[in-house]
PDB file of N, CA and C in Angstrom:
ATOM      1  N   MET A   1     209.305  62.472 -31.669  1.00  0.00           N
ATOM      2  CA  MET A   1     209.670  61.106 -32.379  1.00  0.00           C
ATOM      3  C   MET A   1     208.961  59.732 -31.648  1.00  0.00           C
ATOM      4  N   VAL A   2     208.736  59.297 -32.398  1.00  0.00           N
ATOM      5  CA  VAL A   2     207.705  57.997 -32.189  1.00  0.00           C
ATOM      6  C   VAL A   2     208.646  56.668 -31.785  1.00  0.00           C
ATOM      7  N   GLU A   3     208.634  56.422 -30.573  1.00  0.00           N
ATOM      8  CA  GLU A   3     209.633  55.186 -30.676  1.00  0.00           C
ATOM      9  C   GLU A   3     208.945  53.657 -30.799  1.00  0.00           C
ATOM     10  N   ARG A   4     209.642  52.867 -31.274  1.00  0.00           N
ATOM     11  CA  ARG A   4     209.401  51.337 -31.689  1.00  0.00           C
ATOM     12  C   ARG A   4     209.221  50.350 -30.417  1.00  0.00           C
ATOM     13  N   VAL A   5     210.117  50.581 -29.340  1.00  0.00           N
ATOM     14  CA  VAL A   5     210.111  50.047 -27.881  1.00  0.00           C
ATOM     15  C   VAL A   5     210.186  51.185 -27.031  1.00  0.00           C
ATOM     16  N   VAL A   6     209.531  51.083 -25.940  1.00  0.00           N
ATOM     17  CA  VAL A   6     209.433  51.679 -24.539  1.00  0.00           C
ATOM     18  C   VAL A   6     209.372  50.410 -23.498  1.00  0.00           C
ATOM     19  N   ALA A   7     209.472  51.111 -22.219  1.00  0.00           N
ATOM     20  CA  ALA A   7     209.964  50.000 -21.134  1.00  0.00           C
ATOM     21  C   ALA A   7     208.864  50.792 -20.197  1.00  0.00           C
ATOM     22  N   THR A   8     208.145  50.117 -18.922  1.00  0.00           N
ATOM     23  CA  THR A   8     207.629  50.300 -17.929  1.00  0.00           C
ATOM     24  C   THR A   8     208.558  50.538 -17.009  1.00  0.00           C
ATOM     25  N   ASP A   9     208.074  51.400 -15.927  1.00  0.00           N
ATOM     26  CA  ASP A   9     209.325  51.784 -14.751  1.00  0.00           C
ATOM     27  C   ASP A   9     209.258  50.256 -14.154  1.00  0.00           C
ATOM     28  N   GLU A  10     208.626  49.343 -13.970  1.00  0.00           N
ATOM     29  CA  GLU A  10     209.142  48.182 -13.277  1.00  0.00           C
ATOM     30  C   GLU A  10     210.207  47.371 -14.444  1.00  0.00           C
ATOM     31  N   ALA A  11     209.633  47.565 -15.775  1.00  0.00           N
ATOM     32  CA  ALA A  11     211.393  47.107 -16.550  1.00  0.00           C
ATOM     33  C   ALA A  11     212.354  47.621 -16.267  1.00  0.00           C
ATOM     34  N   LEU A  12     212.157  48.816 -16.163  1.00  0.00           N
ATOM     35  CA  LEU A  12     213.453  49.791 -16.054  1.00  0.00           C
ATOM     36  C   LEU A  12     213.986  49.352 -14.845  1.00  0.00           C
ATOM     37  N   GLN A  13     213.541  49.037 -13.887  1.00  0.00           N
ATOM     38  CA  GLN A  13     213.871  48.798 -12.606  1.00  0.00           C
ATOM     39  C   GLN A  13     214.786  47.573 -12.784  1.00  0.00           C
ATOM     40  N   LEU A  14     214.020  46.579 -13.376  1.00  0.00           N
ATOM     41  CA  LEU A  14     214.563  45.203 -13.691  1.00  0.00           C
ATOM     42  C   LEU A  14     216.041  45.377 -14.475  1.00  0.00           C
ATOM     43  N   ILE A  15     215.811  46.033 -15.427  1.00  0.00           N
ATOM     44  CA  ILE A  15     217.013  46.387 -16.429  1.00  0.00           C
ATOM     45  C   ILE A  15     218.048  46.942 -15.410  1.00  0.00           C
ATOM     46  N   GLU A  16     218.006  47.766 -14.695  1.00  0.00           N
ATOM     47  CA  GLU A  16     219.031  48.751 -13.607  1.00  0.00           C
ATOM     48  C   GLU A  16     219.665  47.565 -12.615  1.00  0.00           C
ATOM     49  N   SER A  17     218.773  46.662 -12.214  1.00  0.00           N
ATOM     50  CA  SER A  17     219.316  45.718 -11.480  1.00  0.00           C
ATOM     51  C   SER A  17     220.260  44.642 -12.424  1.00  0.00           C
ATOM     52  N   LEU A  18     219.964  44.273 -13.365  1.00  0.00           N
ATOM     53  CA  LEU A  18     220.574  43.244 -14.096  1.00  0.00           C
ATOM     54  C   LEU A  18     221.912  43.764 -14.594  1.00  0.00           C
ATOM     55  N   GLN A  19     221.794  45.288 -15.229  1.00  0.00           N
ATOM     56  CA  GLN A  19     223.069  45.807 -15.572  1.00  0.00           C
ATOM     57  C   GLN A  19     224.086  46.160 -14.315  1.00  0.00           C
ATOM     58  N   ASN A  20     223.455  46.124 -13.146  1.00  0.00           N
ATOM     59  CA  ASN A  20     224.126  46.269 -11.696  1.00  0.00           C
ATOM     60  C   ASN A  20     224.972  44.822 -11.347  1.00  0.00           C
ATOM     61  N   MET A  21     224.464  43.855 -11.975  1.00  0.00           N
ATOM     62  CA  MET A  21     225.058  42.342 -11.675  1.00  0.00           C
ATOM     63  C   MET A  21     225.873  41.927 -12.941  1.00  0.00           C
ATOM     64  N   HIS A  22     225.555  42.130 -14.236  1.00  0.00           N
ATOM     65  CA  HIS A  22     226.066  41.696 -15.384  1.00  0.00           C
ATOM     66  C   HIS A  22     226.734  42.553 -16.328  1.00  0.00           C
ATOM     67  N   GLY A  23     226.609  43.907 -15.867  1.00  0.00           N
ATOM     68  CA  GLY A  23     226.969  44.851 -16.855  1.00  0.00           C
ATOM     69  C   GLY A  23     226.443  45.131 -18.094  1.00  0.00           C
ATOM     70  N   SER A  24     227.037  45.471 -19.157  1.00  0.00           N
ATOM     71  CA  SER A  24     226.301  45.694 -20.274  1.00  0.00           C
ATOM     72  C   SER A  24     225.768  44.400 -20.835  1.00  0.00           C
ATOM     73  N   ILE A  25     224.382  45.063 -20.988  1.00  0.00           N
ATOM     74  CA  ILE A  25     223.596  43.755 -21.733  1.00  0.00           C
ATOM     75  C   ILE A  25     222.634  44.099 -22.631  1.00  0.00           C
ATOM     76  N   MET A  26     221.838  43.425 -23.334  1.00  0.00           N
ATOM     77  CA  MET A  26     220.972  43.516 -24.731  1.00  0.00           C
ATOM     78  C   MET A  26     219.756  42.862 -24.565  1.00  0.00           C
ATOM     79  N   PHE A  27     218.865  43.193 -25.430  1.00  0.00           N
ATOM     80  CA  PHE A  27     217.745  42.203 -25.596  1.00  0.00           C
ATOM     81  C   PHE A  27     217.543  41.847 -26.949  1.00  0.00           C
ATOM     82  N   TYR A  28     216.920  40.464 -26.881  1.00  0.00           N
ATOM     83  CA  TYR A  28     216.605  40.214 -28.388  1.00  0.00           C
ATOM     84  C   TYR A  28     215.142  39.416 -28.424  1.00  0.00           C
ATOM     85  N   GLN A  29     214.504  39.572 -29.377  1.00  0.00           N
ATOM     86  CA  GLN A  29     213.416  39.078 -29.571  1.00  0.00           C
ATOM     87  C   GLN A  29     212.948  38.131 -30.624  1.00  0.00           C
ATOM     88  N   SER A  30     212.952  36.724 -30.740  1.00  0.00           N
ATOM     89  CA  SER A  30     213.146  35.987 -31.882  1.00  0.00           C
ATOM     90  C   SER A  30     211.590  35.854 -32.448  1.00  0.00           C
ATOM     91  N   GLY A  31     211.382  35.132 -33.669  1.00  0.00           N
ATOM     92  CA  GLY A  31     210.110  34.847 -33.825  1.00  0.00           C
ATOM     93  C   GLY A  31     210.013  33.502 -33.612  1.00  0.00           C
ATOM     94  N   GLY A  32     210.586  32.742 -32.758  1.00  0.00           N
ATOM     95  CA  GLY A  32     210.653  31.519 -32.226  1.00  0.00           C
ATOM     96  C   GLY A  32     209.481  31.065 -31.349  1.00  0.00           C
ATOM     97  N   CYS A  33     209.074  29.997 -30.899  1.00  0.00           N
ATOM     98  CA  CYS A  33     208.058  29.662 -30.016  1.00  0.00           C
ATOM     99  C   CYS A  33     209.127  29.537 -28.554  1.00  0.00           C
ATOM    100  N   CYS A  34     207.898  29.199 -27.795  1.00  0.00           N
ATOM    101  CA  CYS A  34     208.315  29.175 -26.407  1.00  0.00           C
ATOM    102  C   CYS A  34     209.335  30.303 -25.500  1.00  0.00           C
ATOM    103  N   ASP A  35     210.587  30.033 -25.210  1.00  0.00           N
ATOM    104  CA  ASP A  35     211.187  31.148 -24.738  1.00  0.00           C
ATOM    105  C   ASP A  35     211.488  32.316 -25.950  1.00  0.00           C
ATOM    106  N   GLY A  36     211.627  31.850 -27.243  1.00  0.00           N
ATOM    107  CA  GLY A  36     212.087  32.839 -28.322  1.00  0.00           C
ATOM    108  C   GLY A  36     210.831  33.843 -28.294  1.00  0.00           C
ATOM    109  N   SER A  37     209.613  33.657 -28.120  1.00  0.00           N
ATOM    110  CA  SER A  37     208.363  34.636 -28.225  1.00  0.00           C
ATOM    111  C   SER A  37     208.712  35.743 -27.366  1.00  0.00           C
ATOM    112  N   ALA A  38     209.440  35.608 -26.042  1.00  0.00           N
ATOM    113  CA  ALA A  38     209.663  36.482 -24.992  1.00  0.00           C
ATOM    114  C   ALA A  38     210.585  37.539 -25.339  1.00  0.00           C
ATOM    115  N   PRO A  39     210.790  38.607 -24.951  1.00  0.00           N
ATOM    116  CA  PRO A  39     212.256  39.491 -24.730  1.00  0.00           C
ATOM    117  C   PRO A  39     213.264  38.737 -23.831  1.00  0.00           C
ATOM    118  N   MET A  40     214.154  38.197 -24.639  1.00  0.00           N
ATOM    119  CA  MET A  40     215.306  37.630 -23.843  1.00  0.00           C
ATOM    120  C   MET A  40     216.378  38.443 -23.607  1.00  0.00           C
ATOM    121  N   CYS A  41     216.902  38.344 -22.387  1.00  0.00           N
ATOM    122  CA  CYS A  41     217.889  39.482 -21.642  1.00  0.00           C
ATOM    123  C   CYS A  41     219.403  38.860 -21.783  1.00  0.00           C
ATOM    124  N   TYR A  42     220.333  39.444 -22.361  1.00  0.00           N
ATOM    125  CA  TYR A  42     221.510  38.578 -22.539  1.00  0.00           C
ATOM    126  C   TYR A  42     222.655  39.714 -22.010  1.00  0.00           C
ATOM    127  N   LYS A  43     223.772  38.968 -21.559  1.00  0.00           N
ATOM    128  CA  LYS A  43     225.035  40.030 -21.519  1.00  0.00           C
ATOM    129  C   LYS A  43     225.916  40.279 -22.910  1.00  0.00           C
ATOM    130  N   GLU A  44     225.887  41.438 -22.869  1.00  0.00           N
ATOM    131  CA  GLU A  44     226.417  42.011 -24.648  1.00  0.00           C
ATOM    132  C   GLU A  44     227.417  41.302 -25.131  1.00  0.00           C
ATOM    133  N   GLY A  45     227.448  40.459 -25.901  1.00  0.00           N
ATOM    134  CA  GLY A  45     228.625  39.756 -26.744  1.00  0.00           C
ATOM    135  C   GLY A  45     228.233  38.300 -26.534  1.00  0.00           C
ATOM    136  N   ASP A  46     227.020  37.956 -25.756  1.00  0.00           N
ATOM    137  CA  ASP A  46     226.704  36.366 -25.317  1.00  0.00           C
ATOM    138  C   ASP A  46     226.128  36.094 -26.326  1.00  0.00           C
ATOM    139  N   PHE A  47     225.166  36.935 -27.116  1.00  0.00           N
ATOM    140  CA  PHE A  47     224.428  36.470 -28.090  1.00  0.00           C
ATOM    141  C   PHE A  47     224.638  36.967 -29.337  1.00  0.00           C
ATOM    142  N   ARG A  48     225.179  36.122 -30.522  1.00  0.00           N
ATOM    143  CA  ARG A  48     225.426  36.704 -31.817  1.00  0.00           C
ATOM    144  C   ARG A  48     224.079  37.490 -32.517  1.00  0.00           C
ATOM    145  N   LEU A  49     224.478  38.378 -32.933  1.00  0.00           N
ATOM    146  CA  LEU A  49     223.410  38.958 -34.135  1.00  0.00           C
ATOM    147  C   LEU A  49     223.462  38.533 -35.218  1.00  0.00           C
ATOM    148  N   GLY A  50     222.689  38.627 -36.406  1.00  0.00           N
ATOM    149  CA  GLY A  50     222.815  38.077 -37.819  1.00  0.00           C
ATOM    150  C   GLY A  50     222.214  39.088 -38.695  1.00  0.00           C
ATOM    151  N   ASP A  51     222.529  38.877 -39.714  1.00  0.00           N
ATOM    152  CA  ASP A  51     221.810  39.808 -40.853  1.00  0.00           C
ATOM    153  C   ASP A  51     220.266  40.277 -40.835  1.00  0.00           C
ATOM    154  N   SER A  52     219.862  39.125 -40.406  1.00  0.00           N
ATOM    155  CA  SER A  52     218.518  39.376 -40.378  1.00  0.00           C
ATOM    156  C   SER A  52     217.493  40.012 -38.973  1.00  0.00           C
ATOM    157  N   ASP A  53     218.751  40.596 -38.410  1.00  0.00           N
ATOM    158  CA  ASP A  53     218.251  41.018 -36.955  1.00  0.00           C
ATOM    159  C   ASP A  53     218.343  42.666 -37.112  1.00  0.00           C
ATOM    160  N   LYS A  54     217.165  43.181 -36.335  1.00  0.00           N
ATOM    161  CA  LYS A  54     216.927  44.741 -36.361  1.00  0.00           C
ATOM    162  C   LYS A  54     216.868  45.400 -35.123  1.00  0.00           C
ATOM    163  N   LEU A  55     217.782  46.505 -34.989  1.00  0.00           N
ATOM    164  CA  LEU A  55     217.612  47.413 -33.738  1.00  0.00           C
ATOM    165  C   LEU A  55     216.621  48.164 -33.899  1.00  0.00           C
ATOM    166  N   LEU A  56     215.627  48.001 -32.823  1.00  0.00           N
ATOM    167  CA  LEU A  56     214.416  48.707 -32.838  1.00  0.00           C
ATOM    168  C   LEU A  56     214.413  49.893 -31.972  1.00  0.00           C
ATOM    169  N   GLY A  57     215.350  49.876 -30.900  1.00  0.00           N
ATOM    170  CA  GLY A  57     215.723  51.308 -30.169  1.00  0.00           C
ATOM    171  C   GLY A  57     216.183  50.696 -28.964  1.00  0.00           C
ATOM    172  N   THR A  58     216.181  51.398 -27.809  1.00  0.00           N
ATOM    173  CA  THR A  58     217.039  51.249 -26.498  1.00  0.00           C
ATOM    174  C   THR A  58     215.558  51.556 -25.378  1.00  0.00           C
ATOM    175  N   ILE A  59     215.908  50.640 -24.439  1.00  0.00           N
ATOM    176  CA  ILE A  59     215.027  50.933 -23.251  1.00  0.00           C
ATOM    177  C   ILE A  59     216.102  50.643 -22.067  1.00  0.00           C
ATOM    178  N   GLY A  60     216.201  51.948 -21.194  1.00  0.00           N
ATOM    179  CA  GLY A  60     217.093  52.200 -20.103  1.00  0.00           C
ATOM    180  C   GLY A  60     218.517  52.022 -20.496  1.00  0.00           C
ATOM    181  N   GLY A  61     218.677  52.295 -22.113  1.00  0.00           N
ATOM    182  CA  GLY A  61     219.943  52.657 -22.337  1.00  0.00           C
ATOM    183  C   GLY A  61     220.600  51.341 -22.806  1.00  0.00           C
ATOM    184  N   VAL A  62     219.557  50.248 -22.986  1.00  0.00           N
ATOM    185  CA  VAL A  62     219.987  48.693 -23.487  1.00  0.00           C
ATOM    186  C   VAL A  62     219.477  48.634 -24.880  1.00  0.00           C
ATOM    187  N   PRO A  63     220.140  48.225 -25.854  1.00  0.00           N
ATOM    188  CA  PRO A  63     219.753  48.154 -27.099  1.00  0.00           C
ATOM    189  C   PRO A  63     218.610  46.757 -27.195  1.00  0.00           C
ATOM    190  N   PHE A  64     217.870  47.198 -28.108  1.00  0.00           N
ATOM    191  CA  PHE A  64     216.504  45.941 -28.178  1.00  0.00           C
ATOM    192  C   PHE A  64     216.840  45.541 -29.564  1.00  0.00           C
ATOM    193  N   TYR A  65     216.837  44.472 -29.767  1.00  0.00           N
ATOM    194  CA  TYR A  65     217.339  43.769 -31.117  1.00  0.00           C
ATOM    195  C   TYR A  65     215.935  42.949 -31.626  1.00  0.00           C
ATOM    196  N   MET A  66     215.363  42.604 -33.009  1.00  0.00           N
ATOM    197  CA  MET A  66     214.297  41.788 -32.988  1.00  0.00           C
ATOM    198  C   MET A  66     214.760  40.985 -34.604  1.00  0.00           C
ATOM    199  N   HIS A  67     214.327  39.807 -34.552  1.00  0.00           N
ATOM    200  CA  HIS A  67     214.517  39.120 -35.754  1.00  0.00           C
ATOM    201  C   HIS A  67     213.267  39.890 -36.777  1.00  0.00           C
ATOM    202  N   LYS A  68     214.241  39.809 -38.247  1.00  0.00           N
ATOM    203  CA  LYS A  68     213.198  40.398 -39.410  1.00  0.00           C
ATOM    204  C   LYS A  68     211.803  39.779 -39.281  1.00  0.00           C
ATOM    205  N   SER A  69     211.884  38.590 -39.111  1.00  0.00           N
ATOM    206  CA  SER A  69     210.417  37.985 -39.486  1.00  0.00           C
ATOM    207  C   SER A  69     209.327  38.074 -38.156  1.00  0.00           C
ATOM    208  N   GLN A  70     210.025  38.281 -37.031  1.00  0.00           N
ATOM    209  CA  GLN A  70     209.055  38.634 -35.963  1.00  0.00           C
ATOM    210  C   GLN A  70     208.495  40.170 -36.199  1.00  0.00           C
ATOM    211  N   TYR A  71     209.547  41.019 -36.752  1.00  0.00           N
ATOM    212  CA  TYR A  71     209.343  42.307 -36.768  1.00  0.00           C
ATOM    213  C   TYR A  71     208.435  42.843 -37.782  1.00  0.00           C
ATOM    214  N   ASP A  72     208.436  41.725 -38.856  1.00  0.00           N
ATOM    215  CA  ASP A  72     207.264  41.687 -40.056  1.00  0.00           C
ATOM    216  C   ASP A  72     206.036  41.768 -39.353  1.00  0.00           C
ATOM    217  N   TYR A  73     205.799  40.835 -38.540  1.00  0.00           N
ATOM    218  CA  TYR A  73     204.491  40.791 -37.599  1.00  0.00           C
ATOM    219  C   TYR A  73     203.997  42.079 -36.918  1.00  0.00           C
ATOM    220  N   TRP A  74     205.340  42.692 -36.045  1.00  0.00           N
ATOM    221  CA  TRP A  74     204.623  43.866 -34.880  1.00  0.00           C
ATOM    222  C   TRP A  74     204.849  44.971 -35.649  1.00  0.00           C
ATOM    223  N   LYS A  75     205.495  45.188 -36.800  1.00  0.00           N
ATOM    224  CA  LYS A  75     205.789  46.305 -37.393  1.00  0.00           C
ATOM    225  C   LYS A  75     204.951  47.596 -37.273  1.00  0.00           C
ATOM    226  N   HIS A  76     203.779  47.328 -37.094  1.00  0.00           N
ATOM    227  CA  HIS A  76     202.680  48.149 -36.936  1.00  0.00           C
ATOM    228  C   HIS A  76     202.084  48.498 -35.278  1.00  0.00           C
ATOM    229  N   THR A  77     203.110  48.226 -34.579  1.00  0.00           N
ATOM    230  CA  THR A  77     202.745  48.421 -32.970  1.00  0.00           C
ATOM    231  C   THR A  77     204.143  49.036 -32.328  1.00  0.00           C
ATOM    232  N   GLN A  78     203.808  49.429 -31.419  1.00  0.00           N
ATOM    233  CA  GLN A  78     204.963  49.933 -30.230  1.00  0.00           C
ATOM    234  C   GLN A  78     205.334  48.755 -29.059  1.00  0.00           C
ATOM    235  N   LEU A  79     206.317  48.277 -29.290  1.00  0.00           N
ATOM    236  CA  LEU A  79     206.331  47.329 -28.270  1.00  0.00           C
ATOM    237  C   LEU A  79     206.720  48.151 -26.793  1.00  0.00           C
ATOM    238  N   VAL A  80     205.919  47.317 -25.745  1.00  0.00           N
ATOM    239  CA  VAL A  80     206.048  47.871 -24.563  1.00  0.00           C
ATOM    240  C   VAL A  80     206.411  46.648 -23.409  1.00  0.00           C
ATOM    241  N   ILE A  81     207.839  47.209 -23.309  1.00  0.00           N
ATOM    242  CA  ILE A  81     208.480  45.986 -22.424  1.00  0.00           C
ATOM    243  C   ILE A  81     208.142  46.239 -20.746  1.00  0.00           C
ATOM    244  N   ASP A  82     207.645  44.999 -20.169  1.00  0.00           N
ATOM    245  CA  ASP A  82     207.261  45.121 -18.944  1.00  0.00           C
ATOM    246  C   ASP A  82     207.890  44.172 -18.077  1.00  0.00           C
ATOM    247  N   ALA A  83     207.744  44.188 -16.788  1.00  0.00           N
ATOM    248  CA  ALA A  83     208.420  42.992 -15.812  1.00  0.00           C
ATOM    249  C   ALA A  83     207.040  42.787 -15.079  1.00  0.00           C
ATOM    250  N   ILE A  84     206.744  41.504 -15.217  1.00  0.00           N
ATOM    251  CA  ILE A  84     206.076  40.947 -13.927  1.00  0.00           C
ATOM    252  C   ILE A  84     206.384  39.875 -13.000  1.00  0.00           C
ATOM    253  N   GLU A  85     205.808  39.268 -12.356  1.00  0.00           N
ATOM    254  CA  GLU A  85     205.974  38.761 -10.991  1.00  0.00           C
ATOM    255  C   GLU A  85     206.419  37.090 -11.682  1.00  0.00           C
ATOM    256  N   GLY A  86     207.414  36.422 -11.201  1.00  0.00           N
ATOM    257  CA  GLY A  86     207.799  35.125 -11.790  1.00  0.00           C
ATOM    258  C   GLY A  86     209.127  34.986 -12.408  1.00  0.00           C
ATOM    259  N   ARG A  87     209.573  33.748 -12.702  1.00  0.00           N
ATOM    260  CA  ARG A  87     210.783  33.466 -13.469  1.00  0.00           C
ATOM    261  C   ARG A  87     210.934  33.524 -14.829  1.00  0.00           C
ATOM    262  N   GLY A  88     211.876  34.108 -15.200  1.00  0.00           N
ATOM    263  CA  GLY A  88     211.679  34.234 -17.025  1.00  0.00           C
ATOM    264  C   GLY A  88     212.342  33.099 -17.530  1.00  0.00           C
ATOM    265  N   ALA A  89     212.194  33.394 -19.037  1.00  0.00           N
ATOM    266  CA  ALA A  89     212.570  32.504 -19.770  1.00  0.00           C
ATOM    267  C   ALA A  89     214.139  31.908 -19.445  1.00  0.00           C
ATOM    268  N   SER A  90     214.295  30.549 -19.587  1.00  0.00           N
ATOM    269  CA  SER A  90     215.479  29.573 -19.379  1.00  0.00           C
ATOM    270  C   SER A  90     216.702  30.129 -19.545  1.00  0.00           C
ATOM    271  N   PHE A  91     216.799  31.022 -20.755  1.00  0.00           N
ATOM    272  CA  PHE A  91     218.099  31.227 -21.361  1.00  0.00           C
ATOM    273  C   PHE A  91     218.276  33.009 -21.119  1.00  0.00           C
ATOM    274  N   SER A  92     217.393  33.581 -20.452  1.00  0.00           N
ATOM    275  CA  SER A  92     217.499  34.940 -20.238  1.00  0.00           C
ATOM    276  C   SER A  92     217.952  35.265 -19.155  1.00  0.00           C
ATOM    277  N   LEU A  93     218.702  36.362 -18.609  1.00  0.00           N
ATOM    278  CA  LEU A  93     219.314  36.669 -17.518  1.00  0.00           C
ATOM    279  C   LEU A  93     218.512  37.145 -16.191  1.00  0.00           C
ATOM    280  N   ASP A  94     216.946  37.122 -16.788  1.00  0.00           N
ATOM    281  CA  ASP A  94     216.012  37.216 -15.809  1.00  0.00           C
ATOM    282  C   ASP A  94     215.376  36.164 -15.244  1.00  0.00           C
ATOM    283  N   SER A  95     216.157  35.249 -15.387  1.00  0.00           N
ATOM    284  CA  SER A  95     215.335  33.711 -15.409  1.00  0.00           C
ATOM    285  C   SER A  95     215.511  33.195 -13.799  1.00  0.00           C
ATOM    286  N   VAL A  96     216.312  33.450 -12.992  1.00  0.00           N
ATOM    287  CA  VAL A  96     216.521  33.360 -11.576  1.00  0.00           C
ATOM    288  C   VAL A  96     216.032  34.717 -10.656  1.00  0.00           C
ATOM    289  N   GLU A  97     215.661  35.693 -11.306  1.00  0.00           N
ATOM    290  CA  GLU A  97     215.052  36.711 -10.674  1.00  0.00           C
ATOM    291  C   GLU A  97     213.535  36.600 -10.151  1.00  0.00           C
ATOM    292  N   ASP A  98     213.168  37.438  -9.168  1.00  0.00           N
ATOM    293  CA  ASP A  98     211.500  37.433  -9.040  1.00  0.00           C
ATOM    294  C   ASP A  98     210.625  37.969  -9.926  1.00  0.00           C
ATOM    295  N   LYS A  99     211.453  38.913 -10.998  1.00  0.00           N
ATOM    296  CA  LYS A  99     210.469  39.155 -12.203  1.00  0.00           C
ATOM    297  C   LYS A  99     211.184  39.099 -13.183  1.00  0.00           C
ATOM    298  N   HIS A 100     210.150  39.058 -14.420  1.00  0.00           N
ATOM    299  CA  HIS A 100     210.677  38.500 -15.769  1.00  0.00           C
ATOM    300  C   HIS A 100     210.100  39.496 -16.698  1.00  0.00           C
ATOM    301  N   PHE A 101     210.722  39.779 -17.940  1.00  0.00           N
ATOM    302  CA  PHE A 101     209.980  40.409 -18.843  1.00  0.00           C
ATOM    303  C   PHE A 101     208.831  40.185 -19.950  1.00  0.00           C
ATOM    304  N   ILE A 102     208.044  40.935 -20.305  1.00  0.00           N
ATOM    305  CA  ILE A 102     207.021  40.206 -21.097  1.00  0.00           C
ATOM    306  C   ILE A 102     207.080  41.541 -22.044  1.00  0.00           C
ATOM    307  N   THR A 103     206.545  41.024 -23.233  1.00  0.00           N
ATOM    308  CA  THR A 103     206.362  42.211 -24.303  1.00  0.00           C
ATOM    309  C   THR A 103     204.766  42.391 -24.705  1.00  0.00           C
ATOM    310  N   GLN A 104     204.413  43.605 -24.646  1.00  0.00           N
ATOM    311  CA  GLN A 104     202.868  44.140 -24.730  1.00  0.00           C
ATOM    312  C   GLN A 104     202.804  44.682 -25.730  1.00  0.00           C
ATOM    313  N   SER A 105     202.151  45.474 -26.412  1.00  0.00           N
ATOM    314  CA  SER A 105     201.969  46.119 -27.400  1.00  0.00           C
ATOM    315  C   SER A 105     200.845  47.084 -27.758  1.00  0.00           C
ATOM    316  N   ARG A 106     200.867  48.018 -28.436  1.00  0.00           N
ATOM    317  CA  ARG A 106     199.860  48.856 -28.833  1.00  0.00           C
ATOM    318  C   ARG A 106     199.985  49.215 -30.352  1.00  0.00           C
ATOM    319  N   VAL A 107     198.954  49.203 -31.121  1.00  0.00           N
ATOM    320  CA  VAL A 107     198.803  49.601 -32.586  1.00  0.00           C
ATOM    321  C   VAL A 107     198.914  51.356 -32.562  1.00  0.00           C
ATOM    322  N   PHE A 108     200.217  51.579 -33.637  1.00  0.00           N
ATOM    323  CA  PHE A 108     200.161  52.681 -33.920  1.00  0.00           C
ATOM    324  C   PHE A 108     199.091  53.366 -34.668  1.00  0.00           C
ATOM    325  N   THR A 109     198.944  54.778 -34.264  1.00  0.00           N
ATOM    326  CA  THR A 109     197.902  55.606 -35.032  1.00  0.00           C
ATOM    327  C   THR A 109     198.437  55.509 -36.346  1.00  0.00           C
ATOM    328  N   ASP A 110     197.371  56.126 -37.576  1.00  0.00           N
ATOM    329  CA  ASP A 110     198.165  56.233 -38.770  1.00  0.00           C
ATOM    330  C   ASP A 110     199.475  57.264 -38.901  1.00  0.00           C
ATOM    331  N   GLU A 111     199.170  58.183 -37.935  1.00  0.00           N
ATOM    332  CA  GLU A 111     200.464  59.239 -38.014  1.00  0.00           C
ATOM    333  C   GLU A 111     201.516  58.611 -37.516  1.00  0.00           C
ATOM    334  N   GLU A 112     201.475  57.816 -36.626  1.00  0.00           N
ATOM    335  CA  GLU A 112     202.710  57.722 -35.971  1.00  0.00           C
ATOM    336  C   GLU A 112     203.471  56.382 -37.019  1.00  0.00           C
ATOM    337  N   TYR A 113     202.344  55.496 -37.702  1.00  0.00           N
ATOM    338  CA  TYR A 113     203.237  54.625 -38.277  1.00  0.00           C
ATOM    339  C   TYR A 113     203.743  55.093 -39.564  1.00  0.00           C
ATOM    340  N   LYS A 114     203.322  56.338 -39.842  1.00  0.00           N
ATOM    341  CA  LYS A 114     204.113  56.792 -41.222  1.00  0.00           C
ATOM    342  C   LYS A 114     205.003  57.346 -40.684  1.00  0.00           C
ATOM    343  N   GLU A 115     205.029  58.109 -39.599  1.00  0.00           N
ATOM    344  CA  GLU A 115     206.733  58.416 -38.888  1.00  0.00           C
ATOM    345  C   GLU A 115     207.759  57.223 -39.044  1.00  0.00           C
ATOM    346  N   VAL A 116     207.294  56.084 -38.280  1.00  0.00           N
ATOM    347  CA  VAL A 116     208.215  55.100 -38.013  1.00  0.00           C
ATOM    348  C   VAL A 116     208.554  54.043 -39.627  1.00  0.00           C
ATOM    349  N   LYS A 117     207.687  54.575 -40.525  1.00  0.00           N
ATOM    350  CA  LYS A 117     208.177  53.824 -41.284  1.00  0.00           C
ATOM    351  C   LYS A 117     209.183  54.689 -42.117  1.00  0.00           C
ATOM    352  N   GLN A 118     209.302  55.903 -41.800  1.00  0.00           N
ATOM    353  CA  GLN A 118     210.092  56.845 -42.396  1.00  0.00           C
ATOM    354  C   GLN A 118     211.400  56.705 -41.944  1.00  0.00           C
ATOM    355  N   MET A 119     211.627  56.000 -40.712  1.00  0.00           N
ATOM    356  CA  MET A 119     212.922  55.902 -40.012  1.00  0.00           C
ATOM    357  C   MET A 119     213.634  54.756 -40.185  1.00  0.00           C
ATOM    358  N   LEU A 120     213.074  53.804 -41.168  1.00  0.00           N
ATOM    359  CA  LEU A 120     213.792  52.564 -41.364  1.00  0.00           C
ATOM    360  C   LEU A 120     215.035  52.761 -42.626  1.00  0.00           C
TER     361      LEU A 120
END
C-alpha cells in the first residue's frame, strides 16, 4: 500500500519526544502562507478541523491532516515529513525545540498515483 505521508527517522524521534511531553498530538498543514505552509504540530483537541480538511494518514501513530486546497496542489506527491535543526513555526509544538518539522515531497509514479486515487 502506498502511503500519502511518511516520516524520516529524525521526524519520528521528534514526534516521540513531543508525545512524551504533551500526550496525544496531531499534524495539520494548511494552504496559507508563512507558518501555514509548514507542517504544524498541535496537542490533539487544540486545533479545530473543518469539512475541508482531509486525513492523509498517520506518522508515528499521529494523524496528519491537510486543507483541501493544499491537498489539491500536493495530491500527486508523497509527503515526507522531516525534522531539521532550528526552531519551528510559532504556533507549533516544535517551536521551542532544537528541531522543527518540514515537508519534503516526491512525485508518485504512475502506478502509485493510480493506487492512491482509489483510496479517496
